[in-house]
Amino acid sequence: MTHWLRNGWPTLAIMLGASVWGMIWYPLRMLAALGVTGTAASALTSGAGCLFVLLVRHRALKTVRWHWLLPALALAAGITNLGFVWGSIHGQVMRVLLLFYLTPAWTALFAHFILHERLTWAGAGLAALSLAGAMTMLWSPQLGMPLPGNLAEWAGLAGGMGFAMSNVLILKTSRVLPDMKPEMRTATIFGGAALFSACASLFEAMPAPPTGAHLGTAAWLVLGLGLLLASNNMLVQYGLARVPANRASIIMLFEIVVTALSAWLFAGETPGPREWAGGVCIVLASALSSWVHRSKAVPPDPATADASLDDAHDAGRGDRNGGKNRPRAMV
């Protein structure tokens, strides 16, 4: 029983983290109903999350060193967060999330040019399968070209591209700045999302801001979401440090299941046949990505493992190279 618990807690941590991400759209819509725009909600919740991480892990600040990768990672994270938040508030949650999950296609491209990874036939095939799922979901005789049908879907697509870039840049940062604590990469991600969304909020029309009791409710929601996202990040990192990355990637697809159920229960959104067919292709591409990049390498020591939130989504353990495990970006 003790052995089962020891092995089961990391998996449970990842599943809980995926569940939080799958339901986070609902409190974001609550904020929107109170008069907090998507850009403002992204800025405020990300800022609260960054502040929480810096307060809890302030001793890790001394491991930060300047490198151009840090502002690049912050920018990619900003696009990721804003695309997901704005898209899930204003669009059909399931369609936005599936477009967000086109990471196998974008990761293959970005890893080739940034990490100089060879684009294999398997990687190209998974990218094609993922894009085929998107085209199946988006195509209709009335709309013609299989393109996102509204700004929310474009936001989800852009957020997914930013997410893939974040995955690649996190892996690049872990190689270039190996002494930097993963908590500081988390703070960089939250801080970048807060700054980018704050700038974007200047271009979005603000409704009447919340006042009175609504202002207090909005403030508590912002603080609660910031605390939840930051805590969830560290909870998932605990799991990622103890679960092989290829298995963690499959576990994280549980987010799509939770999103589909929560969208059906709370928003009355029911995917149609094309959404189901396209979604199956996208999820299958992500799952096969983990299988293609499986490794026979021995899992790292949990005491020394250095894993981050996004590393397990799209960063594999790679093959042995000269007796060492070299991480690859999974597609």
C-alpha atoms as a PDB file:
ATOM      1  CA  MET A   1       0.000   0.000   0.000  1.00  0.00           C
ATOM      2  CA  THR A   2       2.824   2.380   0.894  1.00  0.00           C
ATOM      3  CA  HIS A   3       4.579   1.577  -2.398  1.00  0.00           C
ATOM      4  CA  TRP A   4       1.349   2.222  -4.325  1.00  0.00           C
ATOM      5  CA  LEU A   5       0.863   5.583  -2.620  1.00  0.00           C
ATOM      6  CA  ARG A   6       4.468   6.576  -3.267  1.00  0.00           C
ATOM      7  CA  ASN A   7       4.084   5.827  -6.969  1.00  0.00           C
ATOM      8  CA  GLY A   8       0.522   7.118  -7.229  1.00  0.00           C
ATOM      9  CA  TRP A   9       0.886  10.576  -5.670  1.00  0.00           C
ATOM     10  CA  PRO A  10       2.942  12.080  -8.550  1.00  0.00           C
ATOM     11  CA  THR A  11       0.397  10.829 -11.102  1.00  0.00           C
ATOM     12  CA  LEU A  12      -2.440  12.186  -8.981  1.00  0.00           C
ATOM     13  CA  ALA A  13      -0.662  15.553  -8.741  1.00  0.00           C
ATOM     14  CA  ILE A  14      -0.485  15.809 -12.536  1.00  0.00           C
ATOM     15  CA  MET A  15      -4.122  14.778 -12.934  1.00  0.00           C
ATOM     16  CA  LEU A  16      -5.224  17.376 -10.380  1.00  0.00           C
ATOM     17  CA  GLY A  17      -3.195  19.993 -12.220  1.00  0.00           C
ATOM     18  CA  ALA A  18      -4.793  19.044 -15.535  1.00  0.00           C
ATOM     19  CA  SER A  19      -8.226  19.198 -13.893  1.00  0.00           C
ATOM     20  CA  VAL A  20      -7.577  22.746 -12.680  1.00  0.00           C
ATOM     21  CA  TRP A  21      -6.555  23.856 -16.182  1.00  0.00           C
ATOM     22  CA  GLY A  22      -9.616  22.153 -17.611  1.00  0.00           C
ATOM     23  CA  MET A  23     -11.979  24.163 -15.384  1.00  0.00           C
ATOM     24  CA  ILE A  24     -10.146  27.488 -15.087  1.00  0.00           C
ATOM     25  CA  TRP A  25     -12.256  28.969 -17.901  1.00  0.00           C
ATOM     26  CA  TYR A  26     -15.331  29.096 -15.641  1.00  0.00           C
ATOM     27  CA  PRO A  27     -14.023  31.515 -12.965  1.00  0.00           C
ATOM     28  CA  LEU A  28     -12.496  33.568 -15.800  1.00  0.00           C
ATOM     29  CA  ARG A  29     -15.979  33.947 -17.278  1.00  0.00           C
ATOM     30  CA  MET A  30     -17.237  34.899 -13.824  1.00  0.00           C
ATOM     31  CA  LEU A  31     -14.682  37.717 -13.798  1.00  0.00           C
ATOM     32  CA  ALA A  32     -15.841  38.791 -17.266  1.00  0.00           C
ATOM     33  CA  ALA A  33     -19.437  38.881 -16.011  1.00  0.00           C
ATOM     34  CA  LEU A  34     -18.317  41.187 -13.195  1.00  0.00           C
ATOM     35  CA  GLY A  35     -16.823  43.632 -15.719  1.00  0.00           C
ATOM     36  CA  VAL A  36     -13.193  42.458 -15.793  1.00  0.00           C
ATOM     37  CA  THR A  37     -12.097  42.055 -19.417  1.00  0.00           C
ATOM     38  CA  GLY A  38     -10.135  39.050 -20.638  1.00  0.00           C
ATOM     39  CA  THR A  39      -6.910  41.041 -20.987  1.00  0.00           C
ATOM     40  CA  ALA A  40      -7.309  42.553 -17.518  1.00  0.00           C
ATOM     41  CA  ALA A  41      -8.151  39.154 -15.996  1.00  0.00           C
ATOM     42  CA  SER A  42      -5.048  37.636 -17.590  1.00  0.00           C
ATOM     43  CA  ALA A  43      -2.853  40.484 -16.317  1.00  0.00           C
ATOM     44  CA  LEU A  44      -4.245  40.476 -12.775  1.00  0.00           C
ATOM     45  CA  THR A  45      -4.283  36.716 -12.198  1.00  0.00           C
ATOM     46  CA  SER A  46      -0.811  36.266 -13.730  1.00  0.00           C
ATOM     47  CA  GLY A  47       0.552  39.136 -11.659  1.00  0.00           C
ATOM     48  CA  ALA A  48      -0.890  37.592  -8.498  1.00  0.00           C
ATOM     49  CA  GLY A  49       0.645  34.227  -9.432  1.00  0.00           C
ATOM     50  CA  CYS A  50       4.059  35.784 -10.090  1.00  0.00           C
ATOM     51  CA  LEU A  51       3.979  37.624  -6.766  1.00  0.00           C
ATOM     52  CA  PHE A  52       3.036  34.435  -4.921  1.00  0.00           C
ATOM     53  CA  VAL A  53       5.913  32.452  -6.477  1.00  0.00           C
ATOM     54  CA  LEU A  54       8.428  35.216  -5.714  1.00  0.00           C
ATOM     55  CA  LEU A  55       7.273  35.439  -2.099  1.00  0.00           C
ATOM     56  CA  VAL A  56       7.330  31.686  -1.510  1.00  0.00           C
ATOM     57  CA  ARG A  57      10.561  30.992  -3.461  1.00  0.00           C
ATOM     58  CA  HIS A  58      12.415  34.280  -2.972  1.00  0.00           C
ATOM     59  CA  ARG A  59      15.669  32.497  -2.156  1.00  0.00           C
ATOM     60  CA  ALA A  60      15.790  31.142  -5.699  1.00  0.00           C
ATOM     61  CA  LEU A  61      16.126  34.703  -7.059  1.00  0.00           C
ATOM     62  CA  LYS A  62      19.899  34.491  -6.639  1.00  0.00           C
ATOM     63  CA  THR A  63      20.037  31.767  -9.317  1.00  0.00           C
ATOM     64  CA  VAL A  64      18.689  34.119 -12.008  1.00  0.00           C
ATOM     65  CA  ARG A  65      21.189  35.323 -14.629  1.00  0.00           C
ATOM     66  CA  TRP A  66      20.429  37.685 -17.482  1.00  0.00           C
ATOM     67  CA  HIS A  67      19.994  36.075 -20.899  1.00  0.00           C
ATOM     68  CA  TRP A  68      17.937  37.038 -23.933  1.00  0.00           C
ATOM     69  CA  LEU A  69      16.011  33.771 -23.543  1.00  0.00           C
ATOM     70  CA  LEU A  70      14.232  35.129 -20.448  1.00  0.00           C
ATOM     71  CA  PRO A  71      12.401  38.035 -22.165  1.00  0.00           C
ATOM     72  CA  ALA A  72      11.726  35.726 -25.123  1.00  0.00           C
ATOM     73  CA  LEU A  73      10.180  33.166 -22.771  1.00  0.00           C
ATOM     74  CA  ALA A  74       8.178  35.908 -21.045  1.00  0.00           C
ATOM     75  CA  LEU A  75       6.797  37.104 -24.406  1.00  0.00           C
ATOM     76  CA  ALA A  76       5.857  33.580 -25.523  1.00  0.00           C
ATOM     77  CA  ALA A  77       4.182  32.934 -22.170  1.00  0.00           C
ATOM     78  CA  GLY A  78       2.285  36.209 -22.475  1.00  0.00           C
ATOM     79  CA  ILE A  79       0.874  35.215 -25.861  1.00  0.00           C
ATOM     80  CA  THR A  80       0.029  31.768 -24.493  1.00  0.00           C
ATOM     81  CA  ASN A  81      -1.825  33.019 -21.442  1.00  0.00           C
ATOM     82  CA  LEU A  82      -3.692  35.819 -23.153  1.00  0.00           C
ATOM     83  CA  GLY A  83      -4.703  33.611 -26.087  1.00  0.00           C
ATOM     84  CA  PHE A  84      -6.123  30.946 -23.803  1.00  0.00           C
ATOM     85  CA  VAL A  85      -7.839  33.341 -21.368  1.00  0.00           C
ATOM     86  CA  TRP A  86      -9.369  35.640 -23.988  1.00  0.00           C
ATOM     87  CA  GLY A  87     -10.377  32.748 -26.234  1.00  0.00           C
ATOM     88  CA  SER A  88     -12.012  30.713 -23.466  1.00  0.00           C
ATOM     89  CA  ILE A  89     -13.994  33.744 -22.275  1.00  0.00           C
ATOM     90  CA  HIS A  90     -15.315  34.784 -25.680  1.00  0.00           C
ATOM     91  CA  GLY A  91     -15.450  31.522 -27.641  1.00  0.00           C
ATOM     92  CA  GLN A  92     -16.664  27.928 -27.460  1.00  0.00           C
ATOM     93  CA  VAL A  93     -14.357  26.479 -24.831  1.00  0.00           C
ATOM     94  CA  MET A  94     -13.810  23.062 -26.409  1.00  0.00           C
ATOM     95  CA  ARG A  95     -12.990  24.415 -29.870  1.00  0.00           C
ATOM     96  CA  VAL A  96     -10.609  26.983 -28.426  1.00  0.00           C
ATOM     97  CA  LEU A  97      -8.828  24.335 -26.345  1.00  0.00           C
ATOM     98  CA  LEU A  98      -8.471  21.937 -29.283  1.00  0.00           C
ATOM     99  CA  LEU A  99      -6.938  24.704 -31.394  1.00  0.00           C
ATOM    100  CA  PHE A 100      -4.686  25.469 -28.438  1.00  0.00           C
ATOM    101  CA  TYR A 101      -3.576  21.833 -28.387  1.00  0.00           C
ATOM    102  CA  LEU A 102      -2.131  21.914 -31.909  1.00  0.00           C
ATOM    103  CA  THR A 103       1.271  21.959 -30.230  1.00  0.00           C
ATOM    104  CA  PRO A 104       2.683  18.878 -32.063  1.00  0.00           C
ATOM    105  CA  ALA A 105       2.669  20.843 -35.318  1.00  0.00           C
ATOM    106  CA  TRP A 106       4.205  24.045 -33.949  1.00  0.00           C
ATOM    107  CA  THR A 107       6.686  22.300 -31.641  1.00  0.00           C
ATOM    108  CA  ALA A 108       8.140  20.324 -34.545  1.00  0.00           C
ATOM    109  CA  LEU A 109       8.762  23.545 -36.449  1.00  0.00           C
ATOM    110  CA  PHE A 110      10.139  25.614 -33.563  1.00  0.00           C
ATOM    111  CA  ALA A 111      12.358  22.817 -32.221  1.00  0.00           C
ATOM    112  CA  HIS A 112      13.881  22.367 -35.675  1.00  0.00           C
ATOM    113  CA  PHE A 113      14.989  25.995 -35.948  1.00  0.00           C
ATOM    114  CA  ILE A 114      15.701  26.868 -32.305  1.00  0.00           C
ATOM    115  CA  LEU A 115      16.991  23.589 -30.858  1.00  0.00           C
ATOM    116  CA  HIS A 116      18.361  22.318 -34.187  1.00  0.00           C
ATOM    117  CA  GLU A 117      16.484  19.067 -33.803  1.00  0.00           C
ATOM    118  CA  ARG A 118      16.102  16.974 -36.914  1.00  0.00           C
ATOM    119  CA  LEU A 119      12.519  16.809 -38.136  1.00  0.00           C
ATOM    120  CA  THR A 120      11.836  13.083 -38.419  1.00  0.00           C
ATOM    121  CA  TRP A 121       9.191  11.397 -40.543  1.00  0.00           C
ATOM    122  CA  ALA A 122       7.386  10.456 -37.355  1.00  0.00           C
ATOM    123  CA  GLY A 123       7.393  14.057 -36.160  1.00  0.00           C
ATOM    124  CA  ALA A 124       6.183  15.320 -39.528  1.00  0.00           C
ATOM    125  CA  GLY A 125       3.427  12.699 -39.558  1.00  0.00           C
ATOM    126  CA  LEU A 126       2.218  13.693 -36.078  1.00  0.00           C
ATOM    127  CA  ALA A 127       2.206  17.358 -37.069  1.00  0.00           C
ATOM    128  CA  ALA A 128       0.191  16.489 -40.175  1.00  0.00           C
ATOM    129  CA  LEU A 129      -2.274  14.430 -38.111  1.00  0.00           C
ATOM    130  CA  SER A 130      -2.711  17.313 -35.692  1.00  0.00           C
ATOM    131  CA  LEU A 131      -3.335  19.816 -38.509  1.00  0.00           C
ATOM    132  CA  ALA A 132      -5.712  17.388 -40.221  1.00  0.00           C
ATOM    133  CA  GLY A 133      -7.733  17.287 -37.000  1.00  0.00           C
ATOM    134  CA  ALA A 134      -7.918  21.078 -36.952  1.00  0.00           C
ATOM    135  CA  MET A 135      -9.042  21.226 -40.581  1.00  0.00           C
ATOM    136  CA  THR A 136     -11.686  18.567 -39.934  1.00  0.00           C
ATOM    137  CA  MET A 137     -13.004  20.545 -36.997  1.00  0.00           C
ATOM    138  CA  LEU A 138     -12.981  23.914 -38.781  1.00  0.00           C
ATOM    139  CA  TRP A 139     -14.144  22.997 -42.282  1.00  0.00           C
ATOM    140  CA  SER A 140     -17.734  23.505 -43.357  1.00  0.00           C
ATOM    141  CA  PRO A 141     -19.272  24.059 -46.800  1.00  0.00           C
ATOM    142  CA  GLN A 142     -20.730  27.402 -45.696  1.00  0.00           C
ATOM    143  CA  LEU A 143     -17.476  28.847 -44.349  1.00  0.00           C
ATOM    144  CA  GLY A 144     -15.187  27.485 -47.056  1.00  0.00           C
ATOM    145  CA  MET A 145     -11.525  27.495 -46.025  1.00  0.00           C
ATOM    146  CA  PRO A 146     -10.836  25.573 -42.775  1.00  0.00           C
ATOM    147  CA  LEU A 147      -9.787  28.618 -40.759  1.00  0.00           C
ATOM    148  CA  PRO A 148     -10.804  29.785 -37.264  1.00  0.00           C
ATOM    149  CA  GLY A 149     -14.264  31.294 -37.493  1.00  0.00           C
ATOM    150  CA  ASN A 150     -13.931  34.150 -34.984  1.00  0.00           C
ATOM    151  CA  LEU A 151     -11.416  36.119 -32.925  1.00  0.00           C
ATOM    152  CA  ALA A 152     -11.735  33.741 -29.969  1.00  0.00           C
ATOM    153  CA  GLU A 153     -10.655  30.781 -32.113  1.00  0.00           C
ATOM    154  CA  TRP A 154      -7.783  32.813 -33.583  1.00  0.00           C
ATOM    155  CA  ALA A 155      -6.773  33.633 -29.997  1.00  0.00           C
ATOM    156  CA  GLY A 156      -6.771  29.922 -29.110  1.00  0.00           C
ATOM    157  CA  LEU A 157      -4.647  29.145 -32.167  1.00  0.00           C
ATOM    158  CA  ALA A 158      -2.172  31.921 -31.342  1.00  0.00           C
ATOM    159  CA  GLY A 159      -2.081  30.780 -27.716  1.00  0.00           C
ATOM    160  CA  GLY A 160      -1.213  27.245 -28.813  1.00  0.00           C
ATOM    161  CA  MET A 161       1.641  28.545 -30.963  1.00  0.00           C
ATOM    162  CA  GLY A 162       2.881  30.572 -28.007  1.00  0.00           C
ATOM    163  CA  PHE A 163       2.604  27.482 -25.809  1.00  0.00           C
ATOM    164  CA  ALA A 164       4.719  25.438 -28.218  1.00  0.00           C
ATOM    165  CA  MET A 165       7.310  28.226 -28.343  1.00  0.00           C
ATOM    166  CA  SER A 166       7.298  28.388 -24.528  1.00  0.00           C
ATOM    167  CA  ASN A 167       7.978  24.641 -24.354  1.00  0.00           C
ATOM    168  CA  VAL A 168      10.947  24.950 -26.693  1.00  0.00           C
ATOM    169  CA  LEU A 169      12.320  28.036 -24.929  1.00  0.00           C
ATOM    170  CA  ILE A 170      11.976  26.387 -21.506  1.00  0.00           C
ATOM    171  CA  LEU A 171      14.042  23.467 -22.746  1.00  0.00           C
ATOM    172  CA  LYS A 172      16.560  25.873 -24.291  1.00  0.00           C
ATOM    173  CA  THR A 173      16.720  27.862 -21.037  1.00  0.00           C
ATOM    174  CA  SER A 174      17.307  24.729 -18.973  1.00  0.00           C
ATOM    175  CA  ARG A 175      20.323  23.981 -21.192  1.00  0.00           C
ATOM    176  CA  VAL A 176      21.758  27.503 -21.322  1.00  0.00           C
ATOM    177  CA  LEU A 177      21.007  28.391 -17.678  1.00  0.00           C
ATOM    178  CA  PRO A 178      21.238  25.026 -15.876  1.00  0.00           C
ATOM    179  CA  ASP A 179      21.716  26.624 -12.449  1.00  0.00           C
ATOM    180  CA  MET A 180      18.501  28.636 -12.655  1.00  0.00           C
ATOM    181  CA  LYS A 181      15.821  27.162 -10.421  1.00  0.00           C
ATOM    182  CA  PRO A 182      12.624  26.016 -12.168  1.00  0.00           C
ATOM    183  CA  GLU A 183      10.620  28.272  -9.840  1.00  0.00           C
ATOM    184  CA  MET A 184      12.268  31.272 -11.485  1.00  0.00           C
ATOM    185  CA  ARG A 185      11.214  30.022 -14.907  1.00  0.00           C
ATOM    186  CA  THR A 186       7.698  29.832 -13.470  1.00  0.00           C
ATOM    187  CA  ALA A 187       7.997  33.410 -12.191  1.00  0.00           C
ATOM    188  CA  THR A 188       9.258  34.488 -15.623  1.00  0.00           C
ATOM    189  CA  ILE A 189       6.238  32.863 -17.275  1.00  0.00           C
ATOM    190  CA  PHE A 190       3.739  34.491 -14.910  1.00  0.00           C
ATOM    191  CA  GLY A 191       5.523  37.845 -15.020  1.00  0.00           C
ATOM    192  CA  GLY A 192       5.650  37.832 -18.813  1.00  0.00           C
ATOM    193  CA  ALA A 193       1.953  36.969 -19.001  1.00  0.00           C
ATOM    194  CA  ALA A 194       1.108  39.816 -16.610  1.00  0.00           C
ATOM    195  CA  LEU A 195       3.122  42.436 -18.522  1.00  0.00           C
ATOM    196  CA  PHE A 196       1.950  41.339 -21.978  1.00  0.00           C
ATOM    197  CA  SER A 197      -1.699  41.245 -20.934  1.00  0.00           C
ATOM    198  CA  ALA A 198      -1.415  44.607 -19.180  1.00  0.00           C
ATOM    199  CA  CYS A 199      -0.168  46.147 -22.438  1.00  0.00           C
ATOM    200  CA  ALA A 200      -2.917  44.384 -24.417  1.00  0.00           C
ATOM    201  CA  SER A 201      -5.569  45.705 -22.022  1.00  0.00           C
ATOM    202  CA  LEU A 202      -4.825  49.235 -23.268  1.00  0.00           C
ATOM    203  CA  PHE A 203      -6.313  48.221 -26.626  1.00  0.00           C
ATOM    204  CA  GLU A 204      -9.453  46.509 -25.308  1.00  0.00           C
ATOM    205  CA  ALA A 205     -12.541  48.549 -24.507  1.00  0.00           C
ATOM    206  CA  MET A 206     -13.269  48.462 -20.801  1.00  0.00           C
ATOM    207  CA  PRO A 207     -16.878  48.004 -19.662  1.00  0.00           C
ATOM    208  CA  ALA A 208     -18.105  49.606 -16.474  1.00  0.00           C
ATOM    209  CA  PRO A 209     -15.636  48.392 -13.821  1.00  0.00           C
ATOM    210  CA  PRO A 210     -17.013  46.427 -10.872  1.00  0.00           C
ATOM    211  CA  THR A 211     -18.089  48.501  -7.886  1.00  0.00           C
ATOM    212  CA  GLY A 212     -19.362  47.856  -4.388  1.00  0.00           C
ATOM    213  CA  ALA A 213     -19.831  44.192  -3.545  1.00  0.00           C
ATOM    214  CA  HIS A 214     -18.885  43.205  -7.093  1.00  0.00           C
ATOM    215  CA  LEU A 215     -15.494  44.870  -6.656  1.00  0.00           C
ATOM    216  CA  GLY A 216     -14.772  42.778  -3.566  1.00  0.00           C
ATOM    217  CA  THR A 217     -15.899  39.608  -5.326  1.00  0.00           C
ATOM    218  CA  ALA A 218     -13.691  40.387  -8.321  1.00  0.00           C
ATOM    219  CA  ALA A 219     -10.700  41.118  -6.072  1.00  0.00           C
ATOM    220  CA  TRP A 220     -11.107  37.835  -4.203  1.00  0.00           C
ATOM    221  CA  LEU A 221     -11.479  35.963  -7.490  1.00  0.00           C
ATOM    222  CA  VAL A 222      -8.282  37.501  -8.858  1.00  0.00           C
ATOM    223  CA  LEU A 223      -6.295  36.694  -5.720  1.00  0.00           C
ATOM    224  CA  GLY A 224      -7.781  33.215  -5.511  1.00  0.00           C
ATOM    225  CA  LEU A 225      -7.018  32.440  -9.135  1.00  0.00           C
ATOM    226  CA  GLY A 226      -3.459  33.740  -8.797  1.00  0.00           C
ATOM    227  CA  LEU A 227      -2.877  31.591  -5.720  1.00  0.00           C
ATOM    228  CA  LEU A 228      -4.544  28.584  -7.375  1.00  0.00           C
ATOM    229  CA  LEU A 229      -2.522  28.851 -10.589  1.00  0.00           C
ATOM    230  CA  ALA A 230       0.790  29.297  -8.780  1.00  0.00           C
ATOM    231  CA  SER A 231       0.083  26.451  -6.334  1.00  0.00           C
ATOM    232  CA  ASN A 232      -1.114  24.276  -9.183  1.00  0.00           C
ATOM    233  CA  ASN A 233       2.102  24.991 -11.046  1.00  0.00           C
ATOM    234  CA  MET A 234       4.242  23.810  -8.149  1.00  0.00           C
ATOM    235  CA  LEU A 235       1.988  20.788  -7.566  1.00  0.00           C
ATOM    236  CA  VAL A 236       2.433  19.713 -11.179  1.00  0.00           C
ATOM    237  CA  GLN A 237       6.192  20.270 -10.940  1.00  0.00           C
ATOM    238  CA  TYR A 238       6.220  17.805  -8.033  1.00  0.00           C
ATOM    239  CA  GLY A 239       4.581  15.221 -10.278  1.00  0.00           C
ATOM    240  CA  LEU A 240       6.751  15.966 -13.299  1.00  0.00           C
ATOM    241  CA  ALA A 241       9.933  15.445 -11.321  1.00  0.00           C
ATOM    242  CA  ARG A 242       8.831  11.877 -10.525  1.00  0.00           C
ATOM    243  CA  VAL A 243       6.981  10.714 -13.646  1.00  0.00           C
ATOM    244  CA  PRO A 244       8.623  10.024 -17.029  1.00  0.00           C
ATOM    245  CA  ALA A 245       7.853  12.908 -19.398  1.00  0.00           C
ATOM    246  CA  ASN A 246       6.272  10.707 -22.073  1.00  0.00           C
ATOM    247  CA  ARG A 247       3.766   9.297 -19.548  1.00  0.00           C
ATOM    248  CA  ALA A 248       3.131  12.738 -18.036  1.00  0.00           C
ATOM    249  CA  SER A 249       2.207  14.109 -21.471  1.00  0.00           C
ATOM    250  CA  ILE A 250      -0.529  11.495 -21.822  1.00  0.00           C
ATOM    251  CA  ILE A 251      -1.812  12.127 -18.294  1.00  0.00           C
ATOM    252  CA  MET A 252      -2.095  15.831 -19.044  1.00  0.00           C
ATOM    253  CA  LEU A 253      -4.515  15.122 -21.876  1.00  0.00           C
ATOM    254  CA  PHE A 254      -6.989  14.567 -19.027  1.00  0.00           C
ATOM    255  CA  GLU A 255      -7.405  18.353 -19.247  1.00  0.00           C
ATOM    256  CA  ILE A 256      -9.388  17.943 -22.476  1.00  0.00           C
ATOM    257  CA  VAL A 257     -11.756  15.458 -20.801  1.00  0.00           C
ATOM    258  CA  VAL A 258     -12.349  17.817 -17.869  1.00  0.00           C
ATOM    259  CA  THR A 259     -12.864  20.762 -20.237  1.00  0.00           C
ATOM    260  CA  ALA A 260     -15.419  18.864 -22.325  1.00  0.00           C
ATOM    261  CA  LEU A 261     -17.383  17.810 -19.226  1.00  0.00           C
ATOM    262  CA  SER A 262     -17.249  21.227 -17.550  1.00  0.00           C
ATOM    263  CA  ALA A 263     -18.231  23.028 -20.776  1.00  0.00           C
ATOM    264  CA  TRP A 264     -21.208  20.685 -21.125  1.00  0.00           C
ATOM    265  CA  LEU A 265     -22.291  21.038 -17.489  1.00  0.00           C
ATOM    266  CA  PHE A 266     -21.729  24.757 -16.933  1.00  0.00           C
ATOM    267  CA  ALA A 267     -22.047  26.312 -20.399  1.00  0.00           C
ATOM    268  CA  GLY A 268     -24.284  23.847 -22.237  1.00  0.00           C
ATOM    269  CA  GLU A 269     -21.665  23.440 -24.977  1.00  0.00           C
ATOM    270  CA  THR A 270     -21.973  20.106 -26.774  1.00  0.00           C
ATOM    271  CA  PRO A 271     -19.362  19.303 -29.446  1.00  0.00           C
ATOM    272  CA  GLY A 272     -20.729  18.227 -32.815  1.00  0.00           C
ATOM    273  CA  PRO A 273     -19.500  15.325 -34.997  1.00  0.00           C
ATOM    274  CA  ARG A 274     -16.809  17.455 -36.670  1.00  0.00           C
ATOM    275  CA  GLU A 275     -15.494  18.659 -33.293  1.00  0.00           C
ATOM    276  CA  TRP A 276     -15.338  15.074 -32.034  1.00  0.00           C
ATOM    277  CA  ALA A 277     -13.575  13.829 -35.180  1.00  0.00           C
ATOM    278  CA  GLY A 278     -11.077  16.670 -35.231  1.00  0.00           C
ATOM    279  CA  GLY A 279     -10.520  16.411 -31.489  1.00  0.00           C
ATOM    280  CA  VAL A 280      -9.751  12.692 -31.751  1.00  0.00           C
ATOM    281  CA  CYS A 281      -7.044  13.449 -34.341  1.00  0.00           C
ATOM    282  CA  ILE A 282      -5.491  16.205 -32.203  1.00  0.00           C
ATOM    283  CA  VAL A 283      -5.546  14.142 -28.995  1.00  0.00           C
ATOM    284  CA  LEU A 284      -4.218  11.094 -30.855  1.00  0.00           C
ATOM    285  CA  ALA A 285      -1.338  13.153 -32.255  1.00  0.00           C
ATOM    286  CA  SER A 286      -0.424  14.355 -28.743  1.00  0.00           C
ATOM    287  CA  ALA A 287      -0.664  10.844 -27.284  1.00  0.00           C
ATOM    288  CA  LEU A 288       1.380   9.295 -30.100  1.00  0.00           C
ATOM    289  CA  SER A 289       3.965  12.020 -29.619  1.00  0.00           C
ATOM    290  CA  SER A 290       4.636  10.641 -26.147  1.00  0.00           C
ATOM    291  CA  TRP A 291       4.908   7.087 -27.482  1.00  0.00           C
ATOM    292  CA  VAL A 292       7.224   8.019 -30.363  1.00  0.00           C
ATOM    293  CA  HIS A 293       9.586   9.854 -28.012  1.00  0.00           C
ATOM    294  CA  ARG A 294       9.602   7.219 -25.280  1.00  0.00           C
ATOM    295  CA  SER A 295      13.027   6.455 -23.894  1.00  0.00           C
ATOM    296  CA  LYS A 296      14.617   3.496 -22.178  1.00  0.00           C
ATOM    297  CA  ALA A 297      16.641   5.841 -20.019  1.00  0.00           C
ATOM    298  CA  VAL A 298      16.399   5.422 -16.268  1.00  0.00           C
ATOM    299  CA  PRO A 299      14.073   8.044 -14.708  1.00  0.00           C
ATOM    300  CA  PRO A 300      15.935  10.853 -12.901  1.00  0.00           C
ATOM    301  CA  ASP A 301      16.395  11.011  -9.187  1.00  0.00           C
ATOM    302  CA  PRO A 302      13.430  12.956  -7.746  1.00  0.00           C
ATOM    303  CA  ALA A 303      15.814  14.765  -5.403  1.00  0.00           C
ATOM    304  CA  THR A 304      17.759  16.265  -8.306  1.00  0.00           C
ATOM    305  CA  ALA A 305      15.201  16.333 -11.098  1.00  0.00           C
ATOM    306  CA  ASP A 306      14.661  19.723 -12.688  1.00  0.00           C
ATOM    307  CA  ALA A 307      11.257  19.813 -14.300  1.00  0.00           C
ATOM    308  CA  SER A 308       8.974  22.725 -15.084  1.00  0.00           C
ATOM    309  CA  LEU A 309       5.272  23.148 -15.853  1.00  0.00           C
ATOM    310  CA  ASP A 310       5.600  23.061 -19.605  1.00  0.00           C
ATOM    311  CA  ASP A 311       8.544  20.662 -19.866  1.00  0.00           C
ATOM    312  CA  ALA A 312       6.267  17.651 -19.495  1.00  0.00           C
ATOM    313  CA  HIS A 313       3.727  18.864 -22.031  1.00  0.00           C
ATOM    314  CA  ASP A 314       6.168  18.842 -24.905  1.00  0.00           C
ATOM    315  CA  ALA A 315       9.689  18.053 -23.682  1.00  0.00           C
ATOM    316  CA  GLY A 316      10.845  14.440 -23.790  1.00  0.00           C
ATOM    317  CA  ARG A 317      13.825  12.746 -22.264  1.00  0.00           C
ATOM    318  CA  GLY A 318      15.461  12.063 -25.609  1.00  0.00           C
ATOM    319  CA  ASP A 319      17.981   9.453 -26.644  1.00  0.00           C
ATOM    320  CA  ARG A 320      21.325   8.666 -25.178  1.00  0.00           C
ATOM    321  CA  ASN A 321      24.106  10.740 -26.688  1.00  0.00           C
ATOM    322  CA  GLY A 322      27.579   9.910 -25.587  1.00  0.00           C
ATOM    323  CA  GLY A 323      26.285   8.209 -22.459  1.00  0.00           C
ATOM    324  CA  LYS A 324      24.119  11.179 -21.413  1.00  0.00           C
ATOM    325  CA  ASN A 325      20.398  11.785 -21.648  1.00  0.00           C
ATOM    326  CA  ARG A 326      19.782  14.785 -23.893  1.00  0.00           C
ATOM    327  CA  PRO A 327      16.233  16.176 -23.702  1.00  0.00           C
ATOM    328  CA  ARG A 328      14.309  16.684 -26.934  1.00  0.00           C
ATOM    329  CA  ALA A 329      11.275  18.756 -27.638  1.00  0.00           C
ATOM    330  CA  MET A 330       8.413  16.339 -28.178  1.00  0.00           C
ATOM    331  CA  VAL A 331       6.123  16.788 -31.148  1.00  0.00           C
END
